Amino acid sequence: MKKIIFSLSAILLLSACKTNPFTGKNTMALVSDSELFPSSFQQYGEFLKENKVIKGTKDTQRVEEVGKKIKAAAELWLSANGYKDYLKDYKWEYHLVDNNEVNAWCMPGGKIVFFTGILPYCKDDAGIATVMGHEVSHALANHGQQRMSAGMLQQVGAVALDAATAKSSAGTKQMLGAAYGLGSQYGVMLPFSRAHETEADKIGLTLMAIAGYNPEEAVAFWSRMAARSNDAGGSAFLSTHPSNQQRIADLQRLIPEAKAEAAKFGVKFK
């Protein structure tokens, strides 16, 4: 049984990888876009029905306008690099939701939500572009798809563990099951998320620059977020995000590269 499951996992990994144009990496894709997007769109619609969507305000307009510019930047970059149809199945939406949580997200397929709680930290359009570029980049880099694929492999591992301990005592099986859960979650899934955050920062920085927003403003935004984190006394223990200091240092290192990429499209900064 163990050999069958291991062989199945290996076949899945070898046959379900694709190269992402933004990262250049072969990534797991056990769930296709045709399967993932309809579910994403449905969940997005349900979320909007269950929450207060703000319409017709200046902030709503700003979020939508910045979102459209980031979308256009992504399409421009993809077209220039030979991936003109990469976003053909995306159905872009941008909504502002009344919620004090400091958060924003983009679901697979281009479904975006900004919470009102993050706008004071965005401060201006460049701040919104920083967040928008970052969140959109999670979708463009197929991070949701990869997380679902990793979750499927976790399930396969759990089945394999159950089969391997079939003759063990109930206490032993429970102990090993708990160890697998902790090991797979904290040893794989959380570092996986940190890598995704770093990737999204890099891609987002390039997109905001191509869209005409100075990438140096990303450092200003994350500095404001760092100050908020310090004020709140937050802990980085088991965080799925890079530390604020590491993130800012990485962004500062990547700014020249983002500006150089934007210059290819006629966008220049002082």
C-alpha atoms as a PDB file:
ATOM      1  CA  MET A   1       0.000   0.000   0.000  1.00  0.00           C
ATOM      2  CA  LYS A   2       2.809   2.402   0.916  1.00  0.00           C
ATOM      3  CA  LYS A   3       4.569   1.711  -2.386  1.00  0.00           C
ATOM      4  CA  ILE A   4       1.370   2.338  -4.340  1.00  0.00           C
ATOM      5  CA  ILE A   5       0.750   5.654  -2.607  1.00  0.00           C
ATOM      6  CA  PHE A   6       4.375   6.723  -3.011  1.00  0.00           C
ATOM      7  CA  SER A   7       4.299   5.833  -6.708  1.00  0.00           C
ATOM      8  CA  LEU A   8       1.021   7.705  -7.152  1.00  0.00           C
ATOM      9  CA  SER A   9       2.485  10.779  -5.464  1.00  0.00           C
ATOM     10  CA  ALA A  10       5.571  10.665  -7.695  1.00  0.00           C
ATOM     11  CA  ILE A  11       3.423  10.365 -10.830  1.00  0.00           C
ATOM     12  CA  LEU A  12       1.254  13.278  -9.726  1.00  0.00           C
ATOM     13  CA  LEU A  13       4.286  15.461  -9.101  1.00  0.00           C
ATOM     14  CA  LEU A  14       5.945  14.647 -12.408  1.00  0.00           C
ATOM     15  CA  SER A  15       2.813  15.027 -14.523  1.00  0.00           C
ATOM     16  CA  ALA A  16       1.236  18.041 -12.829  1.00  0.00           C
ATOM     17  CA  CYS A  17       3.889  20.739 -12.976  1.00  0.00           C
ATOM     18  CA  LYS A  18       3.913  23.828 -15.147  1.00  0.00           C
ATOM     19  CA  THR A  19       6.258  26.754 -15.624  1.00  0.00           C
ATOM     20  CA  ASN A  20       5.049  30.097 -14.322  1.00  0.00           C
ATOM     21  CA  PRO A  21       6.057  33.070 -16.537  1.00  0.00           C
ATOM     22  CA  PHE A  22       6.521  35.446 -13.606  1.00  0.00           C
ATOM     23  CA  THR A  23       8.789  33.201 -11.540  1.00  0.00           C
ATOM     24  CA  GLY A  24      10.296  30.938 -14.204  1.00  0.00           C
ATOM     25  CA  LYS A  25       9.739  28.003 -11.832  1.00  0.00           C
ATOM     26  CA  ASN A  26       8.080  24.665 -12.357  1.00  0.00           C
ATOM     27  CA  THR A  27       5.244  24.621  -9.843  1.00  0.00           C
ATOM     28  CA  MET A  28       2.720  22.054  -8.672  1.00  0.00           C
ATOM     29  CA  ALA A  29      -0.613  22.220 -10.474  1.00  0.00           C
ATOM     30  CA  LEU A  30      -2.675  19.258  -9.318  1.00  0.00           C
ATOM     31  CA  VAL A  31      -5.752  21.458  -9.738  1.00  0.00           C
ATOM     32  CA  SER A  32      -6.322  23.065 -13.150  1.00  0.00           C
ATOM     33  CA  ASP A  33      -7.496  26.642 -13.690  1.00  0.00           C
ATOM     34  CA  SER A  34     -10.705  25.262 -15.203  1.00  0.00           C
ATOM     35  CA  GLU A  35     -11.392  23.557 -11.871  1.00  0.00           C
ATOM     36  CA  LEU A  36     -10.049  26.270  -9.604  1.00  0.00           C
ATOM     37  CA  PHE A  37     -11.469  29.461 -11.121  1.00  0.00           C
ATOM     38  CA  PRO A  38     -15.205  28.587 -11.014  1.00  0.00           C
ATOM     39  CA  SER A  39     -14.876  27.675  -7.343  1.00  0.00           C
ATOM     40  CA  SER A  40     -12.938  30.867  -6.671  1.00  0.00           C
ATOM     41  CA  PHE A  41     -15.541  33.002  -8.448  1.00  0.00           C
ATOM     42  CA  GLN A  42     -18.368  31.346  -6.519  1.00  0.00           C
ATOM     43  CA  GLN A  43     -16.675  31.882  -3.160  1.00  0.00           C
ATOM     44  CA  TYR A  44     -15.951  35.488  -4.067  1.00  0.00           C
ATOM     45  CA  GLY A  45     -19.599  36.095  -4.907  1.00  0.00           C
ATOM     46  CA  GLU A  46     -20.704  34.545  -1.625  1.00  0.00           C
ATOM     47  CA  PHE A  47     -18.242  36.690   0.308  1.00  0.00           C
ATOM     48  CA  LEU A  48     -19.560  39.862  -1.306  1.00  0.00           C
ATOM     49  CA  LYS A  49     -23.143  38.893  -0.448  1.00  0.00           C
ATOM     50  CA  GLU A  50     -22.235  38.290   3.188  1.00  0.00           C
ATOM     51  CA  ASN A  51     -20.233  41.500   3.679  1.00  0.00           C
ATOM     52  CA  LYS A  52     -20.840  45.210   3.261  1.00  0.00           C
ATOM     53  CA  VAL A  53     -19.431  46.280  -0.093  1.00  0.00           C
ATOM     54  CA  ILE A  54     -18.832  50.027  -0.314  1.00  0.00           C
ATOM     55  CA  LYS A  55     -19.888  51.590  -3.610  1.00  0.00           C
ATOM     56  CA  GLY A  56     -19.793  55.042  -5.153  1.00  0.00           C
ATOM     57  CA  THR A  57     -17.137  56.592  -2.899  1.00  0.00           C
ATOM     58  CA  LYS A  58     -13.809  58.187  -3.734  1.00  0.00           C
ATOM     59  CA  ASP A  59     -11.961  55.337  -1.996  1.00  0.00           C
ATOM     60  CA  THR A  60     -13.889  52.766  -4.024  1.00  0.00           C
ATOM     61  CA  GLN A  61     -12.920  54.566  -7.212  1.00  0.00           C
ATOM     62  CA  ARG A  62      -9.265  54.740  -6.160  1.00  0.00           C
ATOM     63  CA  VAL A  63      -9.098  51.014  -5.458  1.00  0.00           C
ATOM     64  CA  GLU A  64     -10.694  50.207  -8.810  1.00  0.00           C
ATOM     65  CA  GLU A  65      -8.528  52.619 -10.805  1.00  0.00           C
ATOM     66  CA  VAL A  66      -5.300  51.395  -9.236  1.00  0.00           C
ATOM     67  CA  GLY A  67      -6.435  47.798  -9.760  1.00  0.00           C
ATOM     68  CA  LYS A  68      -7.037  48.394 -13.442  1.00  0.00           C
ATOM     69  CA  LYS A  69      -3.578  49.922 -13.832  1.00  0.00           C
ATOM     70  CA  ILE A  70      -1.934  46.933 -12.139  1.00  0.00           C
ATOM     71  CA  LYS A  71      -3.971  44.597 -14.371  1.00  0.00           C
ATOM     72  CA  ALA A  72      -2.855  46.530 -17.459  1.00  0.00           C
ATOM     73  CA  ALA A  73       0.772  46.351 -16.288  1.00  0.00           C
ATOM     74  CA  ALA A  74       0.531  42.571 -15.897  1.00  0.00           C
ATOM     75  CA  GLU A  75      -0.997  42.202 -19.360  1.00  0.00           C
ATOM     76  CA  LEU A  76       1.672  44.450 -20.858  1.00  0.00           C
ATOM     77  CA  TRP A  77       4.509  42.471 -19.264  1.00  0.00           C
ATOM     78  CA  LEU A  78       3.022  39.124 -20.262  1.00  0.00           C
ATOM     79  CA  SER A  79       2.429  40.201 -23.853  1.00  0.00           C
ATOM     80  CA  ALA A  80       5.986  41.509 -24.153  1.00  0.00           C
ATOM     81  CA  ASN A  81       7.339  38.215 -22.850  1.00  0.00           C
ATOM     82  CA  GLY A  82       5.341  35.916 -25.105  1.00  0.00           C
ATOM     83  CA  TYR A  83       2.395  35.094 -22.828  1.00  0.00           C
ATOM     84  CA  LYS A  84      -0.358  37.186 -24.409  1.00  0.00           C
ATOM     85  CA  ASP A  85      -3.190  34.782 -23.522  1.00  0.00           C
ATOM     86  CA  TYR A  86      -2.029  33.907 -20.019  1.00  0.00           C
ATOM     87  CA  LEU A  87      -4.849  35.885 -18.379  1.00  0.00           C
ATOM     88  CA  LYS A  88      -7.611  34.996 -20.838  1.00  0.00           C
ATOM     89  CA  ASP A  89      -9.675  33.171 -18.196  1.00  0.00           C
ATOM     90  CA  TYR A  90      -9.299  35.889 -15.551  1.00  0.00           C
ATOM     91  CA  LYS A  91     -12.443  37.817 -14.631  1.00  0.00           C
ATOM     92  CA  TRP A  92     -11.127  40.849 -12.807  1.00  0.00           C
ATOM     93  CA  GLU A  93     -13.125  42.524 -10.042  1.00  0.00           C
ATOM     94  CA  TYR A  94     -12.084  45.091  -7.440  1.00  0.00           C
ATOM     95  CA  HIS A  95     -14.229  45.734  -4.363  1.00  0.00           C
ATOM     96  CA  LEU A  96     -13.826  47.752  -1.182  1.00  0.00           C
ATOM     97  CA  VAL A  97     -15.402  46.090   1.865  1.00  0.00           C
ATOM     98  CA  ASP A  98     -16.306  47.744   5.154  1.00  0.00           C
ATOM     99  CA  ASN A  99     -14.040  45.941   7.612  1.00  0.00           C
ATOM    100  CA  ASN A 100     -11.552  47.333  10.152  1.00  0.00           C
ATOM    101  CA  GLU A 101      -9.139  44.463   9.575  1.00  0.00           C
ATOM    102  CA  VAL A 102      -5.879  45.609   7.982  1.00  0.00           C
ATOM    103  CA  ASN A 103      -6.067  43.279   5.014  1.00  0.00           C
ATOM    104  CA  ALA A 104      -6.561  42.798   1.285  1.00  0.00           C
ATOM    105  CA  TRP A 105      -6.507  39.739  -0.948  1.00  0.00           C
ATOM    106  CA  CYS A 106      -6.810  38.456  -4.501  1.00  0.00           C
ATOM    107  CA  MET A 107      -8.382  35.092  -5.225  1.00  0.00           C
ATOM    108  CA  PRO A 108      -7.341  32.913  -8.186  1.00  0.00           C
ATOM    109  CA  GLY A 109      -8.717  34.403 -11.375  1.00  0.00           C
ATOM    110  CA  GLY A 110      -8.384  38.064 -10.374  1.00  0.00           C
ATOM    111  CA  LYS A 111     -11.057  38.572  -7.691  1.00  0.00           C
ATOM    112  CA  ILE A 112      -9.810  41.337  -5.402  1.00  0.00           C
ATOM    113  CA  VAL A 113     -11.005  42.705  -2.063  1.00  0.00           C
ATOM    114  CA  PHE A 114      -9.619  45.620  -0.074  1.00  0.00           C
ATOM    115  CA  PHE A 115     -10.757  46.139   3.517  1.00  0.00           C
ATOM    116  CA  THR A 116     -11.310  49.716   4.611  1.00  0.00           C
ATOM    117  CA  GLY A 117      -8.954  49.031   7.536  1.00  0.00           C
ATOM    118  CA  ILE A 118      -5.898  48.935   5.291  1.00  0.00           C
ATOM    119  CA  LEU A 119      -6.508  52.247   3.518  1.00  0.00           C
ATOM    120  CA  PRO A 120      -5.034  54.492   6.260  1.00  0.00           C
ATOM    121  CA  TYR A 121      -1.777  52.533   5.969  1.00  0.00           C
ATOM    122  CA  CYS A 122      -1.859  52.736   2.177  1.00  0.00           C
ATOM    123  CA  LYS A 123      -2.143  56.516   2.610  1.00  0.00           C
ATOM    124  CA  ASP A 124      -2.179  57.280  -1.145  1.00  0.00           C
ATOM    125  CA  ASP A 125      -2.482  55.642  -4.572  1.00  0.00           C
ATOM    126  CA  ALA A 126       1.120  54.429  -4.461  1.00  0.00           C
ATOM    127  CA  GLY A 127       0.367  52.647  -1.194  1.00  0.00           C
ATOM    128  CA  ILE A 128      -2.747  51.075  -2.714  1.00  0.00           C
ATOM    129  CA  ALA A 129      -0.619  50.031  -5.713  1.00  0.00           C
ATOM    130  CA  THR A 130       1.892  48.383  -3.355  1.00  0.00           C
ATOM    131  CA  VAL A 131      -0.826  46.265  -1.778  1.00  0.00           C
ATOM    132  CA  MET A 132      -2.674  45.677  -5.055  1.00  0.00           C
ATOM    133  CA  GLY A 133       0.495  44.604  -6.857  1.00  0.00           C
ATOM    134  CA  HIS A 134       1.421  42.248  -4.028  1.00  0.00           C
ATOM    135  CA  GLU A 135      -2.007  40.602  -3.776  1.00  0.00           C
ATOM    136  CA  VAL A 136      -2.492  40.313  -7.539  1.00  0.00           C
ATOM    137  CA  SER A 137       0.942  38.710  -7.757  1.00  0.00           C
ATOM    138  CA  HIS A 138      -0.204  35.851  -5.521  1.00  0.00           C
ATOM    139  CA  ALA A 139      -2.794  35.021  -8.174  1.00  0.00           C
ATOM    140  CA  LEU A 140      -0.462  35.587 -11.132  1.00  0.00           C
ATOM    141  CA  ALA A 141       2.163  33.292  -9.616  1.00  0.00           C
ATOM    142  CA  ASN A 142      -0.495  30.595  -9.014  1.00  0.00           C
ATOM    143  CA  HIS A 143       0.127  30.557  -5.283  1.00  0.00           C
ATOM    144  CA  GLY A 144      -3.439  29.496  -4.494  1.00  0.00           C
ATOM    145  CA  GLN A 145      -3.134  26.621  -6.933  1.00  0.00           C
ATOM    146  CA  GLN A 146       0.164  25.564  -5.374  1.00  0.00           C
ATOM    147  CA  ARG A 147      -1.265  25.680  -1.862  1.00  0.00           C
ATOM    148  CA  MET A 148      -4.178  23.484  -2.906  1.00  0.00           C
ATOM    149  CA  SER A 149      -1.787  21.066  -4.612  1.00  0.00           C
ATOM    150  CA  ALA A 150       0.384  20.925  -1.500  1.00  0.00           C
ATOM    151  CA  GLY A 151      -2.709  20.268   0.574  1.00  0.00           C
ATOM    152  CA  MET A 152      -3.619  17.361  -1.688  1.00  0.00           C
ATOM    153  CA  LEU A 153      -0.153  15.883  -1.204  1.00  0.00           C
ATOM    154  CA  GLN A 154      -0.540  16.303   2.545  1.00  0.00           C
ATOM    155  CA  GLN A 155      -3.695  14.222   2.353  1.00  0.00           C
ATOM    156  CA  VAL A 156      -1.859  11.531   0.400  1.00  0.00           C
ATOM    157  CA  GLY A 157       0.837  11.524   3.096  1.00  0.00           C
ATOM    158  CA  ALA A 158      -1.767  11.185   5.816  1.00  0.00           C
ATOM    159  CA  VAL A 159      -3.323   8.181   4.029  1.00  0.00           C
ATOM    160  CA  ALA A 160       0.131   6.614   3.673  1.00  0.00           C
ATOM    161  CA  LEU A 161       0.820   7.110   7.382  1.00  0.00           C
ATOM    162  CA  ASP A 162      -2.492   5.530   8.309  1.00  0.00           C
ATOM    163  CA  ALA A 163      -1.714   2.502   6.135  1.00  0.00           C
ATOM    164  CA  ALA A 164       1.823   2.172   7.509  1.00  0.00           C
ATOM    165  CA  THR A 165       0.603   2.145  11.119  1.00  0.00           C
ATOM    166  CA  ALA A 166      -2.411  -0.090  10.530  1.00  0.00           C
ATOM    167  CA  LYS A 167      -1.065  -2.735  12.936  1.00  0.00           C
ATOM    168  CA  SER A 168       0.166  -0.284  15.562  1.00  0.00           C
ATOM    169  CA  SER A 169      -1.627   0.445  18.785  1.00  0.00           C
ATOM    170  CA  ALA A 170      -4.224   3.213  18.844  1.00  0.00           C
ATOM    171  CA  GLY A 171      -1.942   5.314  21.051  1.00  0.00           C
ATOM    172  CA  THR A 172       1.011   4.995  18.669  1.00  0.00           C
ATOM    173  CA  LYS A 173      -1.120   5.874  15.646  1.00  0.00           C
ATOM    174  CA  GLN A 174      -2.475   8.942  17.423  1.00  0.00           C
ATOM    175  CA  MET A 175       1.016  10.092  18.411  1.00  0.00           C
ATOM    176  CA  LEU A 176       2.431   9.638  14.891  1.00  0.00           C
ATOM    177  CA  GLY A 177      -0.604  11.298  13.357  1.00  0.00           C
ATOM    178  CA  ALA A 178      -0.132  14.337  15.564  1.00  0.00           C
ATOM    179  CA  ALA A 179       3.570  14.468  14.695  1.00  0.00           C
ATOM    180  CA  TYR A 180       2.796  14.314  10.973  1.00  0.00           C
ATOM    181  CA  GLY A 181       0.272  17.128  11.296  1.00  0.00           C
ATOM    182  CA  LEU A 182       2.702  19.405  13.114  1.00  0.00           C
ATOM    183  CA  GLY A 183       5.659  18.495  10.935  1.00  0.00           C
ATOM    184  CA  SER A 184       3.860  18.994   7.641  1.00  0.00           C
ATOM    185  CA  GLN A 185       2.182  22.216   8.723  1.00  0.00           C
ATOM    186  CA  TYR A 186       5.092  23.994  10.401  1.00  0.00           C
ATOM    187  CA  GLY A 187       7.900  22.325   8.498  1.00  0.00           C
ATOM    188  CA  VAL A 188       6.461  22.696   4.988  1.00  0.00           C
ATOM    189  CA  MET A 189       3.314  24.779   4.675  1.00  0.00           C
ATOM    190  CA  LEU A 190       4.400  27.856   6.620  1.00  0.00           C
ATOM    191  CA  PRO A 191       7.848  28.200   5.010  1.00  0.00           C
ATOM    192  CA  PHE A 192       6.067  27.622   1.709  1.00  0.00           C
ATOM    193  CA  SER A 193       3.887  30.631   2.516  1.00  0.00           C
ATOM    194  CA  ARG A 194       6.881  32.800   3.410  1.00  0.00           C
ATOM    195  CA  ALA A 195       8.425  31.970   0.032  1.00  0.00           C
ATOM    196  CA  HIS A 196       5.183  32.990  -1.643  1.00  0.00           C
ATOM    197  CA  GLU A 197       5.129  36.291   0.202  1.00  0.00           C
ATOM    198  CA  THR A 198       8.645  37.078  -0.972  1.00  0.00           C
ATOM    199  CA  GLU A 199       7.763  36.142  -4.563  1.00  0.00           C
ATOM    200  CA  ALA A 200       4.662  38.330  -4.463  1.00  0.00           C
ATOM    201  CA  ASP A 201       6.713  41.260  -3.150  1.00  0.00           C
ATOM    202  CA  LYS A 202       9.126  40.983  -6.062  1.00  0.00           C
ATOM    203  CA  ILE A 203       6.493  40.604  -8.777  1.00  0.00           C
ATOM    204  CA  GLY A 204       4.289  43.268  -7.220  1.00  0.00           C
ATOM    205  CA  LEU A 205       7.136  45.743  -7.117  1.00  0.00           C
ATOM    206  CA  THR A 206       7.693  45.299 -10.856  1.00  0.00           C
ATOM    207  CA  LEU A 207       3.991  45.595 -11.663  1.00  0.00           C
ATOM    208  CA  MET A 208       3.520  48.805  -9.685  1.00  0.00           C
ATOM    209  CA  ALA A 209       6.575  50.295 -11.393  1.00  0.00           C
ATOM    210  CA  ILE A 210       5.295  49.389 -14.875  1.00  0.00           C
ATOM    211  CA  ALA A 211       1.929  50.889 -13.855  1.00  0.00           C
ATOM    212  CA  GLY A 212       3.707  54.181 -13.127  1.00  0.00           C
ATOM    213  CA  TYR A 213       3.943  54.059  -9.329  1.00  0.00           C
ATOM    214  CA  ASN A 214       7.373  54.659  -7.835  1.00  0.00           C
ATOM    215  CA  PRO A 215       8.497  51.336  -6.302  1.00  0.00           C
ATOM    216  CA  GLU A 216      10.293  53.240  -3.552  1.00  0.00           C
ATOM    217  CA  GLU A 217       6.844  53.918  -2.108  1.00  0.00           C
ATOM    218  CA  ALA A 218       6.583  50.213  -1.304  1.00  0.00           C
ATOM    219  CA  VAL A 219       9.281  50.695   1.336  1.00  0.00           C
ATOM    220  CA  ALA A 220       7.304  53.578   2.817  1.00  0.00           C
ATOM    221  CA  PHE A 221       4.167  51.436   3.006  1.00  0.00           C
ATOM    222  CA  TRP A 222       5.872  48.490   4.665  1.00  0.00           C
ATOM    223  CA  SER A 223       7.607  50.839   7.086  1.00  0.00           C
ATOM    224  CA  ARG A 224       4.168  52.052   8.162  1.00  0.00           C
ATOM    225  CA  MET A 225       3.065  48.442   8.537  1.00  0.00           C
ATOM    226  CA  ALA A 226       6.175  47.694  10.600  1.00  0.00           C
ATOM    227  CA  ALA A 227       5.378  50.587  12.932  1.00  0.00           C
ATOM    228  CA  ARG A 228       1.843  49.240  13.317  1.00  0.00           C
ATOM    229  CA  SER A 229       3.170  45.760  14.107  1.00  0.00           C
ATOM    230  CA  ASN A 230       5.527  47.147  16.746  1.00  0.00           C
ATOM    231  CA  ASP A 231       2.734  49.184  18.315  1.00  0.00           C
ATOM    232  CA  ALA A 232       0.531  46.113  18.449  1.00  0.00           C
ATOM    233  CA  GLY A 233       3.298  44.042  20.021  1.00  0.00           C
ATOM    234  CA  GLY A 234       2.847  41.343  17.394  1.00  0.00           C
ATOM    235  CA  SER A 235       4.980  38.225  17.363  1.00  0.00           C
ATOM    236  CA  ALA A 236       6.772  36.794  14.344  1.00  0.00           C
ATOM    237  CA  PHE A 237       6.552  33.283  15.854  1.00  0.00           C
ATOM    238  CA  LEU A 238       5.333  30.835  13.194  1.00  0.00           C
ATOM    239  CA  SER A 239       4.539  33.780  10.934  1.00  0.00           C
ATOM    240  CA  THR A 240       3.650  33.076   7.320  1.00  0.00           C
ATOM    241  CA  HIS A 241       5.240  36.381   6.356  1.00  0.00           C
ATOM    242  CA  PRO A 242       8.870  37.533   6.234  1.00  0.00           C
ATOM    243  CA  SER A 243       9.888  39.813   9.080  1.00  0.00           C
ATOM    244  CA  ASN A 244       9.226  43.487   8.425  1.00  0.00           C
ATOM    245  CA  GLN A 245      12.946  44.227   8.498  1.00  0.00           C
ATOM    246  CA  GLN A 246      13.741  41.450   6.006  1.00  0.00           C
ATOM    247  CA  ARG A 247      10.899  42.461   3.717  1.00  0.00           C
ATOM    248  CA  ILE A 248      12.011  46.104   3.614  1.00  0.00           C
ATOM    249  CA  ALA A 249      15.634  45.115   3.008  1.00  0.00           C
ATOM    250  CA  ASP A 250      14.581  42.825   0.145  1.00  0.00           C
ATOM    251  CA  LEU A 251      12.425  45.538  -1.410  1.00  0.00           C
ATOM    252  CA  GLN A 252      15.244  48.076  -1.264  1.00  0.00           C
ATOM    253  CA  ARG A 253      17.502  45.582  -3.022  1.00  0.00           C
ATOM    254  CA  LEU A 254      14.878  44.913  -5.718  1.00  0.00           C
ATOM    255  CA  ILE A 255      13.905  48.533  -6.462  1.00  0.00           C
ATOM    256  CA  PRO A 256      16.616  49.093  -9.128  1.00  0.00           C
ATOM    257  CA  GLU A 257      15.526  45.913 -10.907  1.00  0.00           C
ATOM    258  CA  ALA A 258      11.862  46.985 -10.856  1.00  0.00           C
ATOM    259  CA  LYS A 259      12.760  50.427 -12.226  1.00  0.00           C
ATOM    260  CA  ALA A 260      14.875  48.860 -14.968  1.00  0.00           C
ATOM    261  CA  GLU A 261      11.991  46.590 -15.969  1.00  0.00           C
ATOM    262  CA  ALA A 262       9.574  49.538 -16.048  1.00  0.00           C
ATOM    263  CA  ALA A 263      12.009  51.498 -18.228  1.00  0.00           C
ATOM    264  CA  LYS A 264      11.590  48.842 -20.928  1.00  0.00           C
ATOM    265  CA  PHE A 265       8.002  50.061 -21.208  1.00  0.00           C
ATOM    266  CA  GLY A 266       8.910  53.740 -21.226  1.00  0.00           C
ATOM    267  CA  VAL A 267       8.257  54.331 -17.521  1.00  0.00           C
ATOM    268  CA  LYS A 268      11.103  56.165 -15.798  1.00  0.00           C
ATOM    269  CA  PHE A 269      11.625  57.504 -12.288  1.00  0.00           C
ATOM    270  CA  LYS A 270      14.072  60.031 -10.926  1.00  0.00           C
END
